PDB file of N, CA and C in Angstrom:
ATOM      1  N   MET A   1      -2.852  -9.309   0.572  1.00  0.00           N
ATOM      2  CA  MET A   1      -3.542  -8.409   1.277  1.00  0.00           C
ATOM      3  C   MET A   1      -2.522  -7.831   1.997  1.00  0.00           C
ATOM      4  N   ALA A   2      -2.062  -8.476   2.758  1.00  0.00           N
ATOM      5  CA  ALA A   2      -0.621  -7.604   3.908  1.00  0.00           C
ATOM      6  C   ALA A   2       0.208  -7.129   3.267  1.00  0.00           C
ATOM      7  N   THR A   3       0.940  -7.517   1.513  1.00  0.00           N
ATOM      8  CA  THR A   3       1.925  -6.765   0.904  1.00  0.00           C
ATOM      9  C   THR A   3       1.191  -5.365   0.516  1.00  0.00           C
ATOM     10  N   ALA A   4      -0.051  -5.330  -0.141  1.00  0.00           N
ATOM     11  CA  ALA A   4      -0.700  -4.216   0.015  1.00  0.00           C
ATOM     12  C   ALA A   4      -0.714  -2.617   0.800  1.00  0.00           C
ATOM     13  N   LEU A   5      -1.033  -3.387   1.994  1.00  0.00           N
ATOM     14  CA  LEU A   5      -1.846  -2.604   3.442  1.00  0.00           C
ATOM     15  C   LEU A   5      -0.275  -2.455   4.398  1.00  0.00           C
ATOM     16  N   SER A   6       0.787  -2.938   3.155  1.00  0.00           N
ATOM     17  CA  SER A   6       2.408  -2.404   4.336  1.00  0.00           C
ATOM     18  C   SER A   6       2.469  -3.055   5.978  1.00  0.00           C
ATOM     19  N   VAL A   7       1.555  -4.500   5.984  1.00  0.00           N
ATOM     20  CA  VAL A   7       1.704  -4.726   7.202  1.00  0.00           C
ATOM     21  C   VAL A   7       1.637  -6.276   7.263  1.00  0.00           C
ATOM     22  N   HIS A   8       2.178  -6.508   8.480  1.00  0.00           N
ATOM     23  CA  HIS A   8       2.427  -8.379   8.245  1.00  0.00           C
ATOM     24  C   HIS A   8       1.607  -8.760   8.788  1.00  0.00           C
ATOM     25  N   LYS A   9       0.929 -10.318   7.511  1.00  0.00           N
ATOM     26  CA  LYS A   9       0.311 -10.712   7.642  1.00  0.00           C
ATOM     27  C   LYS A   9      -0.384 -11.400   8.440  1.00  0.00           C
ATOM     28  N   SER A  10       0.119 -11.421   9.722  1.00  0.00           N
ATOM     29  CA  SER A  10      -0.533 -11.873  11.277  1.00  0.00           C
ATOM     30  C   SER A  10      -1.196 -11.044  11.817  1.00  0.00           C
ATOM     31  N   ALA A  11      -1.517  -9.578  11.209  1.00  0.00           N
ATOM     32  CA  ALA A  11      -2.082  -8.600  11.634  1.00  0.00           C
ATOM     33  C   ALA A  11      -3.797  -8.462  10.338  1.00  0.00           C
ATOM     34  N   ILE A  12      -3.495  -8.980   9.419  1.00  0.00           N
ATOM     35  CA  ILE A  12      -4.808  -9.039   8.821  1.00  0.00           C
ATOM     36  C   ILE A  12      -6.263  -9.365   9.381  1.00  0.00           C
ATOM     37  N   PRO A  13      -6.283 -10.453  10.177  1.00  0.00           N
ATOM     38  CA  PRO A  13      -7.124 -10.561  10.736  1.00  0.00           C
ATOM     39  C   PRO A  13      -7.669  -9.940  11.762  1.00  0.00           C
ATOM     40  N   ALA A  14      -7.339  -9.329  12.487  1.00  0.00           N
ATOM     41  CA  ALA A  14      -7.505  -8.304  13.811  1.00  0.00           C
ATOM     42  C   ALA A  14      -8.589  -7.143  12.909  1.00  0.00           C
ATOM     43  N   LYS A  15      -7.235  -6.619  11.956  1.00  0.00           N
ATOM     44  CA  LYS A  15      -7.906  -5.495  11.294  1.00  0.00           C
ATOM     45  C   LYS A  15      -9.465  -5.760  10.467  1.00  0.00           C
ATOM     46  N   MET A  16      -9.318  -7.242   9.560  1.00  0.00           N
ATOM     47  CA  MET A  16     -10.470  -7.295   9.083  1.00  0.00           C
ATOM     48  C   MET A  16     -11.902  -7.419   9.966  1.00  0.00           C
ATOM     49  N   ASN A  17     -11.577  -8.119  11.353  1.00  0.00           N
ATOM     50  CA  ASN A  17     -12.257  -8.066  11.870  1.00  0.00           C
ATOM     51  C   ASN A  17     -13.100  -6.815  12.423  1.00  0.00           C
ATOM     52  N   ARG A  18     -12.129  -5.943  12.946  1.00  0.00           N
ATOM     53  CA  ARG A  18     -12.469  -4.881  13.008  1.00  0.00           C
ATOM     54  C   ARG A  18     -13.664  -3.921  12.324  1.00  0.00           C
ATOM     55  N   LEU A  19     -13.131  -3.703  10.680  1.00  0.00           N
ATOM     56  CA  LEU A  19     -14.046  -3.415   9.668  1.00  0.00           C
ATOM     57  C   LEU A  19     -15.080  -4.185   9.587  1.00  0.00           C
ATOM     58  N   LEU A  20     -15.124  -5.559   9.920  1.00  0.00           N
ATOM     59  CA  LEU A  20     -16.628  -6.143  10.078  1.00  0.00           C
ATOM     60  C   LEU A  20     -17.097  -5.840  10.652  1.00  0.00           C
ATOM     61  N   GLU A  21     -16.881  -5.410  12.242  1.00  0.00           N
ATOM     62  CA  GLU A  21     -17.463  -4.773  13.513  1.00  0.00           C
ATOM     63  C   GLU A  21     -17.638  -3.651  13.577  1.00  0.00           C
ATOM     64  N   LYS A  22     -17.183  -2.512  12.685  1.00  0.00           N
ATOM     65  CA  LYS A  22     -17.633  -1.155  11.950  1.00  0.00           C
ATOM     66  C   LYS A  22     -18.903  -1.208  10.901  1.00  0.00           C
ATOM     67  N   ASP A  23     -18.862  -2.337  10.472  1.00  0.00           N
ATOM     68  CA  ASP A  23     -19.926  -2.073   9.141  1.00  0.00           C
ATOM     69  C   ASP A  23     -19.424  -1.686   8.210  1.00  0.00           C
ATOM     70  N   SER A  24     -17.718  -1.902   7.857  1.00  0.00           N
ATOM     71  CA  SER A  24     -16.887  -1.328   7.114  1.00  0.00           C
ATOM     72  C   SER A  24     -16.733  -2.161   5.433  1.00  0.00           C
ATOM     73  N   ILE A  25     -16.536  -3.460   6.070  1.00  0.00           N
ATOM     74  CA  ILE A  25     -16.688  -4.183   4.598  1.00  0.00           C
ATOM     75  C   ILE A  25     -17.485  -5.399   5.138  1.00  0.00           C
ATOM     76  N   HIS A  26     -17.984  -6.234   3.724  1.00  0.00           N
ATOM     77  CA  HIS A  26     -18.907  -7.650   4.077  1.00  0.00           C
ATOM     78  C   HIS A  26     -18.170  -8.629   3.894  1.00  0.00           C
ATOM     79  N   ARG A  27     -17.892 -10.043   4.256  1.00  0.00           N
ATOM     80  CA  ARG A  27     -17.294 -11.139   4.089  1.00  0.00           C
ATOM     81  C   ARG A  27     -18.503 -12.163   3.255  1.00  0.00           C
ATOM     82  N   ALA A  28     -18.080 -12.545   2.508  1.00  0.00           N
ATOM     83  CA  ALA A  28     -19.126 -13.850   1.704  1.00  0.00           C
ATOM     84  C   ALA A  28     -17.999 -15.321   1.621  1.00  0.00           C
ATOM     85  N   LYS A  29     -18.285 -16.123   2.095  1.00  0.00           N
ATOM     86  CA  LYS A  29     -17.443 -17.260   1.247  1.00  0.00           C
ATOM     87  C   LYS A  29     -17.422 -17.599  -0.242  1.00  0.00           C
ATOM     88  N   ASN A  30     -16.592 -17.709  -0.985  1.00  0.00           N
ATOM     89  CA  ASN A  30     -16.234 -17.687  -2.246  1.00  0.00           C
ATOM     90  C   ASN A  30     -16.292 -18.948  -2.410  1.00  0.00           C
ATOM     91  N   PRO A  31     -17.231 -19.346  -3.507  1.00  0.00           N
ATOM     92  CA  PRO A  31     -18.420 -19.899  -3.766  1.00  0.00           C
ATOM     93  C   PRO A  31     -17.149 -21.335  -4.476  1.00  0.00           C
ATOM     94  N   GLN A  32     -15.926 -20.970  -5.546  1.00  0.00           N
ATOM     95  CA  GLN A  32     -15.266 -21.483  -6.144  1.00  0.00           C
ATOM     96  C   GLN A  32     -14.543 -21.968  -5.452  1.00  0.00           C
ATOM     97  N   ASP A  33     -13.754 -21.809  -4.041  1.00  0.00           N
ATOM     98  CA  ASP A  33     -12.998 -22.004  -3.114  1.00  0.00           C
ATOM     99  C   ASP A  33     -13.523 -22.070  -1.423  1.00  0.00           C
ATOM    100  N   LEU A  34     -14.206 -22.761  -1.094  1.00  0.00           N
ATOM    101  CA  LEU A  34     -14.595 -22.667   0.272  1.00  0.00           C
ATOM    102  C   LEU A  34     -14.263 -22.006   1.259  1.00  0.00           C
ATOM    103  N   ARG A  35     -12.509 -22.023   0.871  1.00  0.00           N
ATOM    104  CA  ARG A  35     -11.614 -21.992   2.317  1.00  0.00           C
ATOM    105  C   ARG A  35     -11.245 -20.523   1.926  1.00  0.00           C
ATOM    106  N   ARG A  36     -11.485 -19.573   1.429  1.00  0.00           N
ATOM    107  CA  ARG A  36     -11.419 -18.393   1.039  1.00  0.00           C
ATOM    108  C   ARG A  36     -12.562 -17.748   0.634  1.00  0.00           C
ATOM    109  N   PHE A  37     -12.519 -16.157   1.363  1.00  0.00           N
ATOM    110  CA  PHE A  37     -13.597 -15.070   1.465  1.00  0.00           C
ATOM    111  C   PHE A  37     -13.432 -14.147   0.433  1.00  0.00           C
ATOM    112  N   ARG A  38     -14.612 -13.531   0.359  1.00  0.00           N
ATOM    113  CA  ARG A  38     -14.825 -12.363  -0.336  1.00  0.00           C
ATOM    114  C   ARG A  38     -14.877 -11.549   0.059  1.00  0.00           C
ATOM    115  N   LEU A  39     -14.286 -10.600   0.104  1.00  0.00           N
ATOM    116  CA  LEU A  39     -14.538  -9.501   1.007  1.00  0.00           C
ATOM    117  C   LEU A  39     -15.225  -7.765   0.307  1.00  0.00           C
ATOM    118  N   THR A  40     -15.934  -7.177   0.575  1.00  0.00           N
ATOM    119  CA  THR A  40     -16.823  -5.837  -0.600  1.00  0.00           C
ATOM    120  C   THR A  40     -16.818  -4.899   0.564  1.00  0.00           C
ATOM    121  N   VAL A  41     -16.359  -3.684   0.227  1.00  0.00           N
ATOM    122  CA  VAL A  41     -16.208  -2.444   1.027  1.00  0.00           C
ATOM    123  C   VAL A  41     -18.253  -2.663   0.925  1.00  0.00           C
ATOM    124  N   THR A  42     -18.807  -1.948   1.917  1.00  0.00           N
ATOM    125  CA  THR A  42     -20.163  -1.506   2.334  1.00  0.00           C
ATOM    126  C   THR A  42     -20.248   0.151   1.917  1.00  0.00           C
ATOM    127  N   LYS A  43     -21.574   0.670   1.994  1.00  0.00           N
ATOM    128  CA  LYS A  43     -21.771   1.764   1.595  1.00  0.00           C
ATOM    129  C   LYS A  43     -20.828   2.990   2.651  1.00  0.00           C
ATOM    130  N   ASN A  44     -21.367   2.113   3.992  1.00  0.00           N
ATOM    131  CA  ASN A  44     -20.650   2.724   5.404  1.00  0.00           C
ATOM    132  C   ASN A  44     -19.040   2.549   4.993  1.00  0.00           C
ATOM    133  N   GLY A  45     -18.703   1.816   4.899  1.00  0.00           N
ATOM    134  CA  GLY A  45     -17.142   1.550   4.262  1.00  0.00           C
ATOM    135  C   GLY A  45     -16.517   2.973   3.465  1.00  0.00           C
ATOM    136  N   GLU A  46     -17.565   3.107   2.515  1.00  0.00           N
ATOM    137  CA  GLU A  46     -17.438   3.837   1.190  1.00  0.00           C
ATOM    138  C   GLU A  46     -17.051   5.637   1.688  1.00  0.00           C
ATOM    139  N   LYS A  47     -18.194   5.690   2.839  1.00  0.00           N
ATOM    140  CA  LYS A  47     -18.491   6.575   4.105  1.00  0.00           C
ATOM    141  C   LYS A  47     -16.911   7.052   4.082  1.00  0.00           C
ATOM    142  N   VAL A  48     -16.627   6.160   5.205  1.00  0.00           N
ATOM    143  CA  VAL A  48     -15.471   6.279   5.686  1.00  0.00           C
ATOM    144  C   VAL A  48     -14.005   6.463   4.873  1.00  0.00           C
ATOM    145  N   TYR A  49     -14.366   5.977   3.807  1.00  0.00           N
ATOM    146  CA  TYR A  49     -12.957   6.466   2.613  1.00  0.00           C
ATOM    147  C   TYR A  49     -12.702   7.586   2.539  1.00  0.00           C
ATOM    148  N   GLU A  50     -14.247   8.048   2.023  1.00  0.00           N
ATOM    149  CA  GLU A  50     -14.381   9.303   1.611  1.00  0.00           C
ATOM    150  C   GLU A  50     -14.235  10.597   2.454  1.00  0.00           C
ATOM    151  N   THR A  51     -14.705  10.024   3.594  1.00  0.00           N
ATOM    152  CA  THR A  51     -14.023  11.525   4.510  1.00  0.00           C
ATOM    153  C   THR A  51     -12.653  11.747   5.162  1.00  0.00           C
TER     154      THR A  51
END
């Protein structure tokens, strides 16, 4: 994710938390690997992206 966004990997948690607070993404545990999360874009996140 850090590579795709061109940011340092230490910046990812803060960016994710901001997107979660703004209801732009949804975080769910990955059922196959409980150490990981699945992130999905919410309707609100889609609206922000389109503008």
